[in-house]
Amino acid sequence: MVLGMQFSGGYGAAPGAWRLPGANLHSYTDMDQFVRYARAAERGKIQLLFIADTPVLDVDLDHHSPHHMIDPLLILTVLARETERIGLVTTASTTFTEPYNLARQFKALDVISHGRAGWNAVTTSDPAAAANFGATIPPRAEKYERAHEVIQIVQALWGSWEKGAWLLDVDGKRFADMDKIQPVNLQGKHAASRGPLPIPPSEQGQPVIFQAGGGSYGLELAGRYASGVYANPYTIEDARAQRQALRDAAKRAGRDPDEVKMLAGFMPTIAPSRQAALQRRRFLDEVVDLNQRVRYLGAMIGLPLDPGRLDEPLTADQLADAIPSPHDPRSARALEVAREGWTLRDVLAYGVIDYHPVVAGTAADAADHMQQWFEAGACDGFSIAIDSYHDGFDAFVDQVVPILRERGLFHDDYEGPTLRENLGAHEQYGLDPRLTKPARS
């Protein structure tokens, strides 16, 4: 399986990660901490690090730490100099970033890291993020039309300095062959660039493209360009359906479906016992508005729940009346946990309303979840959103990864020095010549 470790903010995926005993309170801006986490992941031969990003402050900082990094590309540039094999992937929007900027920044990271960079190419949907650029969110069709143009221009720019152009011929007094460094002169409806890009190929040629959008538009974008896709299924059945739809989209675009790896989001809390893991998650939840979450839980299972009864389990009459919402795939799991007799506080601590499946338990419990999904064909691997970085990276690498290896589910070492090799992505430089059919207009 392919494994990626997520970075969100500076502390962990759980809102209260910054408060955990032993956590460095300055992790948000402390590059030494990120280097330590990255080296831990590399020690475990994790294929890539992923920084999710939205260019907006979208959280109340009174009690929560920021969701996003101070600047993903700058942090990954630091990590590129302090690691050797692990892939370095981050998000950048096609909606509010010009293709030349994207092409230059990501190919520079690719060269600096010796072929380990990846671009998660997504559109922006948050109006608050749009406002930071003095703009509004375009209609969905227009937004994805621009995304296709931007990705194609970026890839063309990446290939505008051809392989073999860098001569470095001292005796012949020729630095490069300008016949092999040519403008791309691409003009679309929404984006354009003349080029060329003055950056030579990296060891993997050019960065690997990832995608994390939803719906039919996002599926087509992923099927045409992405080698890795971040997905948020909550059940094995949903994950299988998403993966098959992704493979079908790649085939329609003229690609080999096996080139596209779907990474399912997963949020483990690892502790010596399930009870210790639950206690840890209860502590992490202390900064969350549990009253609001109780009401949300009630909507999921069709009951008017009282936040004043947070430390009581549901009554027999309530359980008899409860019905999981057909509109929320998390609802069945929420009701299953509630029927085990846990208090509402503990039901929430089990992560039943988190945006990825949660396993709070031992390393073996986490490995069991991953094995079940992987062997069921629900994903090609996982994007791990660990609850707290300061001890969670080491716990995953030192406890879960050895179990996965013992079960024959994870590799013993990197396949090669580049992200493209370690992801099993196809070789590509410049535009993909197989994509003959036009994108959605």
Protein backbone atom coordinates (compact mmCIF):
# COMPACT_ATOMS: atom_id res chain seq x y z
CA MET A 1 0.00 0.00 0.00
CA VAL A 2 0.99 3.63 -0.52
CA LEU A 3 1.12 5.72 2.65
CA GLY A 4 1.18 9.47 3.06
CA MET A 5 1.37 11.42 6.30
CA GLN A 6 -0.70 14.60 6.43
CA PHE A 7 0.39 17.92 7.88
CA SER A 8 -2.40 20.29 8.90
CA GLY A 9 -1.41 23.31 10.93
CA GLY A 10 1.52 22.77 13.23
CA TYR A 11 0.25 20.33 15.83
CA GLY A 12 -1.98 17.56 14.50
CA ALA A 13 -5.31 16.65 12.97
CA ALA A 14 -7.15 16.91 16.30
CA PRO A 15 -8.22 20.45 17.27
CA GLY A 16 -6.74 20.09 20.75
CA ALA A 17 -3.38 18.66 19.66
CA TRP A 18 -1.54 21.83 20.72
CA ARG A 19 -2.54 21.20 24.37
CA LEU A 20 -1.23 17.64 24.72
CA PRO A 21 1.43 17.19 27.42
CA GLY A 22 4.89 17.32 25.87
CA ALA A 23 3.81 19.14 22.69
CA ASN A 24 6.01 22.01 21.57
CA LEU A 25 3.70 25.02 21.81
CA HIS A 26 5.71 26.79 19.10
CA SER A 27 5.40 23.96 16.55
CA TYR A 28 3.34 26.17 14.25
CA THR A 29 6.46 28.17 13.32
CA ASP A 30 9.26 25.83 14.45
CA MET A 31 10.92 24.28 11.39
CA ASP A 32 13.02 21.98 13.56
CA GLN A 33 9.81 20.27 14.65
CA PHE A 34 8.69 19.68 11.06
CA VAL A 35 12.11 18.29 10.21
CA ARG A 36 11.81 15.85 13.12
CA TYR A 37 8.37 14.67 11.96
CA ALA A 38 9.52 14.32 8.35
CA ARG A 39 12.56 12.31 9.37
CA ALA A 40 10.37 10.02 11.47
CA ALA A 41 8.12 9.38 8.46
CA GLU A 42 11.16 8.75 6.27
CA ARG A 43 12.53 6.33 8.85
CA GLY A 44 9.32 4.35 8.33
CA LYS A 45 9.74 4.50 4.52
CA ILE A 46 6.44 6.41 4.20
CA GLN A 47 6.14 7.35 0.54
CA LEU A 48 5.10 10.98 0.95
CA LEU A 49 4.24 13.92 3.17
CA PHE A 50 1.17 15.93 2.25
CA ILE A 51 0.32 19.48 3.28
CA ALA A 52 -3.32 20.35 2.70
CA ASP A 53 -3.92 24.05 2.25
CA THR A 54 -6.63 26.65 1.80
CA PRO A 55 -5.47 30.28 1.60
CA VAL A 56 -7.70 31.58 4.40
CA LEU A 57 -7.86 31.75 8.19
CA ASP A 58 -10.89 29.52 8.74
CA VAL A 59 -10.79 28.81 12.46
CA ASP A 60 -11.41 30.71 15.70
CA LEU A 61 -7.93 31.06 17.20
CA ASP A 62 -9.30 31.71 20.70
CA HIS A 63 -9.17 27.97 21.38
CA HIS A 64 -8.02 26.26 18.17
CA SER A 65 -4.68 26.31 16.40
CA PRO A 66 -4.70 27.17 12.66
CA HIS A 67 -5.78 24.46 10.23
CA HIS A 68 -3.08 25.31 7.70
CA MET A 69 0.66 25.91 7.53
CA ILE A 70 2.33 29.32 7.47
CA ASP A 71 3.36 28.57 3.84
CA PRO A 72 3.41 25.01 2.49
CA LEU A 73 5.95 25.46 -0.31
CA LEU A 74 8.45 27.17 1.97
CA ILE A 75 8.08 24.45 4.60
CA LEU A 76 8.53 21.71 1.99
CA THR A 77 11.64 23.48 0.71
CA VAL A 78 13.07 23.30 4.22
CA LEU A 79 12.17 19.60 4.42
CA ALA A 80 13.69 18.93 0.99
CA ARG A 81 17.09 19.87 2.38
CA GLU A 82 16.69 17.71 5.51
CA THR A 83 15.34 14.47 3.96
CA GLU A 84 16.45 12.18 1.13
CA ARG A 85 13.66 9.93 -0.15
CA ILE A 86 10.22 10.94 1.10
CA GLY A 87 7.87 12.69 -1.35
CA LEU A 88 6.83 16.30 -0.71
CA VAL A 89 3.30 17.18 -1.83
CA THR A 90 1.16 20.23 -1.22
CA THR A 91 -2.01 21.91 -2.42
CA ALA A 92 -2.13 24.96 -4.66
CA SER A 93 -5.30 26.34 -6.22
CA THR A 94 -5.85 26.56 -9.96
CA THR A 95 -8.59 29.14 -9.34
CA PHE A 96 -6.52 32.03 -7.98
CA THR A 97 -2.94 31.19 -9.00
CA GLU A 98 -1.46 31.86 -12.43
CA PRO A 99 0.06 28.87 -14.23
CA TYR A 100 3.52 30.41 -14.60
CA ASN A 101 3.80 30.91 -10.84
CA LEU A 102 2.64 27.35 -10.18
CA ALA A 103 4.99 25.88 -12.77
CA ARG A 104 8.01 27.81 -11.50
CA GLN A 105 7.48 27.17 -7.79
CA PHE A 106 6.73 23.46 -8.03
CA LYS A 107 9.47 22.68 -10.53
CA ALA A 108 11.93 24.61 -8.37
CA LEU A 109 10.90 22.44 -5.41
CA ASP A 110 11.26 19.37 -7.62
CA VAL A 111 14.82 20.32 -8.58
CA ILE A 112 15.76 21.28 -5.02
CA SER A 113 14.43 17.95 -3.69
CA HIS A 114 16.03 15.91 -6.52
CA GLY A 115 12.71 14.73 -7.91
CA ARG A 116 10.40 14.39 -4.91
CA ALA A 117 7.79 17.13 -5.46
CA GLY A 118 4.08 16.73 -6.05
CA TRP A 119 1.32 19.26 -6.75
CA ASN A 120 -2.19 18.68 -5.41
CA ALA A 121 -4.06 20.61 -8.09
CA VAL A 122 -7.45 21.71 -6.77
CA THR A 123 -10.04 24.39 -7.29
CA THR A 124 -11.10 26.80 -4.53
CA SER A 125 -14.67 26.79 -3.21
CA ASP A 126 -14.42 28.92 -0.04
CA PRO A 127 -15.74 32.47 -0.59
CA ALA A 128 -13.52 33.72 2.26
CA ALA A 129 -10.46 32.42 0.42
CA ALA A 130 -11.62 34.11 -2.77
CA ALA A 131 -11.98 37.38 -0.88
CA ASN A 132 -8.27 37.22 0.00
CA PHE A 133 -7.60 37.60 -3.73
CA GLY A 134 -10.19 40.32 -4.17
CA ALA A 135 -12.42 37.94 -6.09
CA THR A 136 -15.51 35.76 -5.87
CA ILE A 137 -15.90 32.04 -6.55
CA PRO A 138 -16.66 31.45 -10.26
CA PRO A 139 -19.46 29.08 -11.33
CA ARG A 140 -18.43 25.44 -10.93
CA ALA A 141 -18.21 24.68 -14.65
CA GLU A 142 -16.09 27.78 -15.28
CA LYS A 143 -13.87 26.99 -12.31
CA TYR A 144 -13.07 23.51 -13.64
CA GLU A 145 -12.69 24.76 -17.20
CA ARG A 146 -9.94 27.05 -15.90
CA ALA A 147 -8.45 24.16 -13.90
CA HIS A 148 -7.97 22.09 -17.07
CA GLU A 149 -6.31 25.03 -18.80
CA VAL A 150 -4.02 25.80 -15.87
CA ILE A 151 -2.84 22.19 -15.45
CA GLN A 152 -2.13 21.84 -19.16
CA ILE A 153 -0.21 25.13 -19.27
CA VAL A 154 1.78 24.16 -16.17
CA GLN A 155 2.73 20.81 -17.66
CA ALA A 156 3.71 22.43 -20.94
CA LEU A 157 5.90 24.91 -19.05
CA TRP A 158 7.52 22.07 -17.12
CA GLY A 159 8.52 20.53 -20.44
CA SER A 160 9.58 23.79 -22.10
CA TRP A 161 13.20 23.24 -20.98
CA GLU A 162 13.70 20.00 -22.87
CA LYS A 163 15.78 17.12 -21.66
CA GLY A 164 19.29 17.46 -22.99
CA ALA A 165 19.08 21.26 -23.27
CA TRP A 166 21.55 21.90 -20.46
CA LEU A 167 24.91 21.49 -22.21
CA LEU A 168 27.40 22.99 -19.73
CA ASP A 169 29.98 22.78 -22.52
CA VAL A 170 32.96 24.71 -21.13
CA ASP A 171 35.24 24.20 -24.14
CA GLY A 172 32.50 25.01 -26.63
CA LYS A 173 31.36 27.98 -24.55
CA ARG A 174 27.75 26.80 -24.61
CA PHE A 175 25.73 26.83 -21.41
CA ALA A 176 22.52 25.46 -22.97
CA ASP A 177 20.92 24.71 -26.32
CA MET A 178 18.29 27.41 -26.86
CA ASP A 179 16.70 25.39 -29.63
CA LYS A 180 15.56 23.06 -26.83
CA ILE A 181 14.27 25.82 -24.55
CA GLN A 182 11.23 27.21 -26.30
CA PRO A 183 8.11 29.27 -25.45
CA VAL A 184 4.87 27.33 -25.08
CA ASN A 185 2.63 30.20 -26.28
CA LEU A 186 -0.56 28.77 -24.82
CA GLN A 187 -3.69 30.92 -24.67
CA GLY A 188 -6.87 29.57 -23.15
CA LYS A 189 -10.18 31.14 -22.29
CA HIS A 190 -9.16 31.71 -18.65
CA ALA A 191 -5.36 31.40 -18.47
CA ALA A 192 -2.30 31.83 -20.64
CA SER A 193 1.49 31.79 -20.62
CA ARG A 194 4.24 32.46 -23.11
CA GLY A 195 7.13 30.66 -21.38
CA PRO A 196 9.61 29.10 -21.44
CA LEU A 197 10.35 28.09 -17.87
CA PRO A 198 14.09 28.50 -17.16
CA ILE A 199 14.41 25.38 -14.98
CA PRO A 200 15.90 22.07 -16.18
CA PRO A 201 14.33 18.65 -15.52
CA SER A 202 14.66 17.07 -12.10
CA GLU A 203 15.63 13.45 -11.50
CA GLN A 204 11.95 12.51 -12.01
CA GLY A 205 11.51 14.93 -14.89
CA GLN A 206 8.72 17.03 -13.42
CA PRO A 207 6.46 17.05 -10.35
CA VAL A 208 3.75 14.43 -9.88
CA ILE A 209 0.16 15.68 -9.98
CA PHE A 210 -2.34 14.84 -7.25
CA GLN A 211 -5.99 15.79 -6.96
CA ALA A 212 -8.57 16.04 -4.18
CA GLY A 213 -11.77 17.32 -5.74
CA GLY A 214 -15.23 15.79 -5.69
CA GLY A 215 -18.15 15.34 -8.03
CA SER A 216 -18.09 14.66 -11.75
CA TYR A 217 -15.88 17.66 -12.53
CA GLY A 218 -13.25 16.68 -9.97
CA LEU A 219 -13.40 13.07 -11.10
CA GLU A 220 -12.65 14.04 -14.69
CA LEU A 221 -9.77 16.27 -13.59
CA ALA A 222 -8.27 13.41 -11.56
CA GLY A 223 -8.79 10.86 -14.32
CA ARG A 224 -6.96 13.00 -16.88
CA TYR A 225 -3.98 14.26 -14.89
CA ALA A 226 -3.52 12.81 -11.40
CA SER A 227 -1.25 9.99 -10.26
CA GLY A 228 -2.48 10.25 -6.67
CA VAL A 229 -5.97 11.15 -5.44
CA TYR A 230 -6.98 12.09 -1.90
CA ALA A 231 -10.44 10.74 -1.11
CA ASN A 232 -12.75 10.95 1.90
CA PRO A 233 -14.88 7.78 1.85
CA TYR A 234 -16.33 6.69 5.16
CA THR A 235 -17.31 3.11 4.32
CA ILE A 236 -15.66 0.33 2.33
CA GLU A 237 -18.60 0.27 -0.07
CA ASP A 238 -18.34 3.99 -0.77
CA ALA A 239 -14.57 3.72 -1.13
CA ARG A 240 -14.85 0.89 -3.66
CA ALA A 241 -17.33 2.90 -5.69
CA GLN A 242 -15.11 6.01 -5.64
CA ARG A 243 -12.04 4.03 -6.63
CA GLN A 244 -13.82 2.32 -9.50
CA ALA A 245 -15.22 5.64 -10.74
CA LEU A 246 -11.71 7.07 -10.64
CA ARG A 247 -10.27 4.14 -12.59
CA ASP A 248 -13.06 4.44 -15.16
CA ALA A 249 -12.32 8.16 -15.56
CA ALA A 250 -8.62 7.43 -16.17
CA LYS A 251 -9.50 4.82 -18.78
CA ARG A 252 -11.84 7.24 -20.58
CA ALA A 253 -8.98 9.75 -20.74
CA GLY A 254 -6.72 7.22 -22.45
CA ARG A 255 -4.65 6.30 -19.41
CA ASP A 256 -3.88 3.04 -17.59
CA PRO A 257 -6.16 2.95 -14.52
CA ASP A 258 -3.38 1.34 -12.47
CA GLU A 259 -1.41 4.60 -12.74
CA VAL A 260 -3.90 6.38 -10.46
CA LYS A 261 -3.58 5.64 -6.75
CA MET A 262 -6.50 6.51 -4.45
CA LEU A 263 -5.44 7.33 -0.89
CA ALA A 264 -8.27 7.11 1.64
CA GLY A 265 -8.20 9.47 4.60
CA PHE A 266 -7.67 7.79 7.98
CA MET A 267 -7.44 9.32 11.48
CA PRO A 268 -5.80 6.95 14.00
CA THR A 269 -5.25 7.62 17.68
CA ILE A 270 -2.66 5.12 18.89
CA ALA A 271 -2.27 4.19 22.55
CA PRO A 272 -1.34 1.13 24.65
CA SER A 273 -5.03 0.23 25.02
CA ARG A 274 -8.41 1.22 23.63
CA GLN A 275 -9.33 2.81 26.94
CA ALA A 276 -6.15 4.91 26.92
CA ALA A 277 -6.85 5.95 23.32
CA LEU A 278 -10.37 7.00 24.25
CA GLN A 279 -9.08 9.04 27.18
CA ARG A 280 -6.62 10.75 24.86
CA ARG A 281 -9.37 11.67 22.43
CA ARG A 282 -11.56 12.99 25.23
CA PHE A 283 -8.73 15.33 26.21
CA LEU A 284 -8.24 16.40 22.58
CA ASP A 285 -11.96 17.21 22.37
CA GLU A 286 -11.89 19.64 25.29
CA VAL A 287 -11.38 22.64 22.97
CA VAL A 288 -14.33 21.61 20.77
CA ASP A 289 -17.91 22.89 21.20
CA LEU A 290 -19.33 19.58 22.36
CA ASN A 291 -22.84 21.02 22.77
CA GLN A 292 -22.92 21.74 19.06
CA ARG A 293 -21.52 18.29 18.30
CA VAL A 294 -24.17 16.62 20.44
CA ARG A 295 -26.89 18.36 18.45
CA TYR A 296 -25.19 17.34 15.21
CA LEU A 297 -24.97 13.75 16.45
CA GLY A 298 -28.70 13.88 17.16
CA ALA A 299 -29.40 14.94 13.59
CA MET A 300 -27.29 12.03 12.34
CA ILE A 301 -29.31 9.41 14.24
CA GLY A 302 -32.72 11.11 14.18
CA LEU A 303 -32.98 12.07 17.85
CA PRO A 304 -33.29 15.42 19.68
CA LEU A 305 -30.28 15.03 22.00
CA ASP A 306 -29.78 17.14 25.13
CA PRO A 307 -26.21 18.53 25.54
CA GLY A 308 -26.89 18.61 29.29
CA ARG A 309 -26.76 14.79 29.27
CA LEU A 310 -23.29 14.64 27.71
CA ASP A 311 -22.01 12.13 30.27
CA GLU A 312 -24.94 9.74 30.01
CA PRO A 313 -25.58 6.99 27.47
CA LEU A 314 -28.70 6.92 25.34
CA THR A 315 -31.72 5.30 26.99
CA ALA A 316 -33.32 2.11 25.71
CA ASP A 317 -36.25 4.13 24.36
CA GLN A 318 -33.90 6.48 22.52
CA LEU A 319 -31.99 3.60 20.98
CA ALA A 320 -35.26 2.03 19.86
CA ASP A 321 -36.28 5.27 18.13
CA ALA A 322 -32.89 6.06 16.58
CA ILE A 323 -32.60 5.90 12.78
CA PRO A 324 -29.31 6.60 10.98
CA SER A 325 -29.56 9.36 8.40
CA PRO A 326 -29.46 8.02 4.83
CA HIS A 327 -27.74 11.27 3.79
CA ASP A 328 -24.67 10.86 6.03
CA PRO A 329 -22.46 7.75 5.60
CA ARG A 330 -21.11 8.23 9.13
CA SER A 331 -24.51 7.78 10.77
CA ALA A 332 -24.59 3.98 10.88
CA ARG A 333 -21.24 3.89 12.66
CA ALA A 334 -22.39 6.59 15.10
CA LEU A 335 -25.45 4.57 16.06
CA GLU A 336 -23.38 1.38 16.31
CA VAL A 337 -21.07 3.01 18.87
CA ALA A 338 -24.01 4.51 20.79
CA ARG A 339 -25.60 1.06 21.07
CA GLU A 340 -22.48 -0.22 22.83
CA GLY A 341 -23.56 1.82 25.86
CA TRP A 342 -21.01 4.66 25.76
CA THR A 343 -21.83 8.13 27.01
CA LEU A 344 -22.44 10.84 24.43
CA ARG A 345 -19.03 12.31 25.27
CA ASP A 346 -17.38 8.97 24.51
CA VAL A 347 -19.43 8.40 21.36
CA LEU A 348 -18.07 11.71 20.07
CA ALA A 349 -14.55 10.80 21.24
CA TYR A 350 -14.73 7.74 19.00
CA GLY A 351 -14.67 10.19 16.09
CA VAL A 352 -18.07 9.32 14.67
CA ILE A 353 -18.52 12.80 13.16
CA ASP A 354 -14.93 13.35 12.01
CA TYR A 355 -14.32 13.80 8.29
CA HIS A 356 -12.26 10.57 8.01
CA PRO A 357 -12.79 7.18 9.65
CA VAL A 358 -11.28 7.16 13.15
CA VAL A 359 -9.73 4.25 14.99
CA ALA A 360 -8.93 4.96 18.63
CA GLY A 361 -7.00 1.99 19.95
CA THR A 362 -3.80 0.02 19.73
CA ALA A 363 -1.39 -0.15 16.81
CA ALA A 364 -2.92 -3.51 15.89
CA ASP A 365 -6.39 -1.93 15.77
CA ALA A 366 -5.12 0.71 13.31
CA ALA A 367 -3.40 -1.95 11.20
CA ASP A 368 -6.56 -4.08 11.18
CA HIS A 369 -8.58 -1.19 9.72
CA MET A 370 -5.99 -0.53 7.04
CA GLN A 371 -5.69 -4.21 6.12
CA GLN A 372 -9.46 -4.62 5.86
CA TRP A 373 -9.87 -1.64 3.53
CA PHE A 374 -6.82 -2.41 1.41
CA GLU A 375 -7.61 -6.10 0.90
CA ALA A 376 -11.22 -5.22 0.11
CA GLY A 377 -10.03 -3.10 -2.84
CA ALA A 378 -11.34 0.06 -1.19
CA CYS A 379 -8.14 2.04 -1.76
CA ASP A 380 -4.54 1.87 -2.93
CA GLY A 381 -3.29 3.26 0.36
CA PHE A 382 -4.00 5.86 3.02
CA SER A 383 -3.46 9.49 3.85
CA ILE A 384 -2.80 9.39 7.58
CA ALA A 385 -4.15 12.33 9.57
CA ILE A 386 -2.47 11.57 12.90
CA ASP A 387 -4.13 13.15 15.93
CA SER A 388 -0.99 14.83 17.31
CA TYR A 389 2.36 15.07 15.59
CA HIS A 390 4.65 15.38 18.59
CA ASP A 391 4.25 11.72 19.57
CA GLY A 392 1.87 10.43 16.88
CA PHE A 393 4.37 10.27 14.01
CA ASP A 394 6.73 8.10 16.05
CA ALA A 395 3.87 5.92 17.30
CA PHE A 396 2.64 5.24 13.77
CA VAL A 397 6.11 4.60 12.34
CA ASP A 398 7.42 2.50 15.23
CA GLN A 399 4.24 0.56 16.07
CA VAL A 400 1.85 0.40 13.10
CA VAL A 401 4.31 0.19 10.19
CA PRO A 402 6.09 -2.95 11.55
CA ILE A 403 2.72 -4.72 11.80
CA LEU A 404 1.86 -3.79 8.21
CA ARG A 405 5.23 -5.16 7.10
CA GLU A 406 4.77 -8.39 9.04
CA ARG A 407 1.44 -8.86 7.26
CA GLY A 408 3.02 -8.25 3.84
CA LEU A 409 1.08 -5.02 3.26
CA PHE A 410 3.87 -2.43 3.17
CA HIS A 411 7.31 -2.25 1.62
CA ASP A 412 10.59 -2.61 3.51
CA ASP A 413 12.38 0.19 1.66
CA TYR A 414 11.90 2.85 -0.96
CA GLU A 415 11.68 1.68 -4.56
CA GLY A 416 13.91 4.55 -5.69
CA PRO A 417 15.04 8.11 -4.99
CA THR A 418 12.07 9.92 -6.60
CA LEU A 419 8.41 10.34 -5.74
CA ARG A 420 7.44 9.09 -9.19
CA GLU A 421 9.23 5.79 -8.54
CA ASN A 422 7.90 5.36 -5.01
CA LEU A 423 4.32 6.10 -6.05
CA GLY A 424 4.53 3.90 -9.13
CA ALA A 425 3.56 6.87 -11.32
CA HIS A 426 4.08 6.82 -15.08
CA GLU A 427 7.01 8.60 -16.70
CA GLN A 428 6.01 11.97 -18.08
CA TYR A 429 7.76 15.15 -19.19
CA GLY A 430 5.66 18.02 -20.42
CA LEU A 431 2.11 17.27 -21.58
CA ASP A 432 0.78 13.71 -21.60
CA PRO A 433 0.55 12.77 -25.32
CA ARG A 434 -2.08 10.12 -24.59
CA LEU A 435 -4.75 12.67 -23.66
CA THR A 436 -6.18 13.06 -27.15
CA LYS A 437 -9.82 13.60 -26.22
CA PRO A 438 -10.71 17.18 -25.25
CA ALA A 439 -11.54 18.00 -21.66
CA ARG A 440 -15.04 19.04 -20.64
CA SER A 441 -15.84 22.51 -21.99
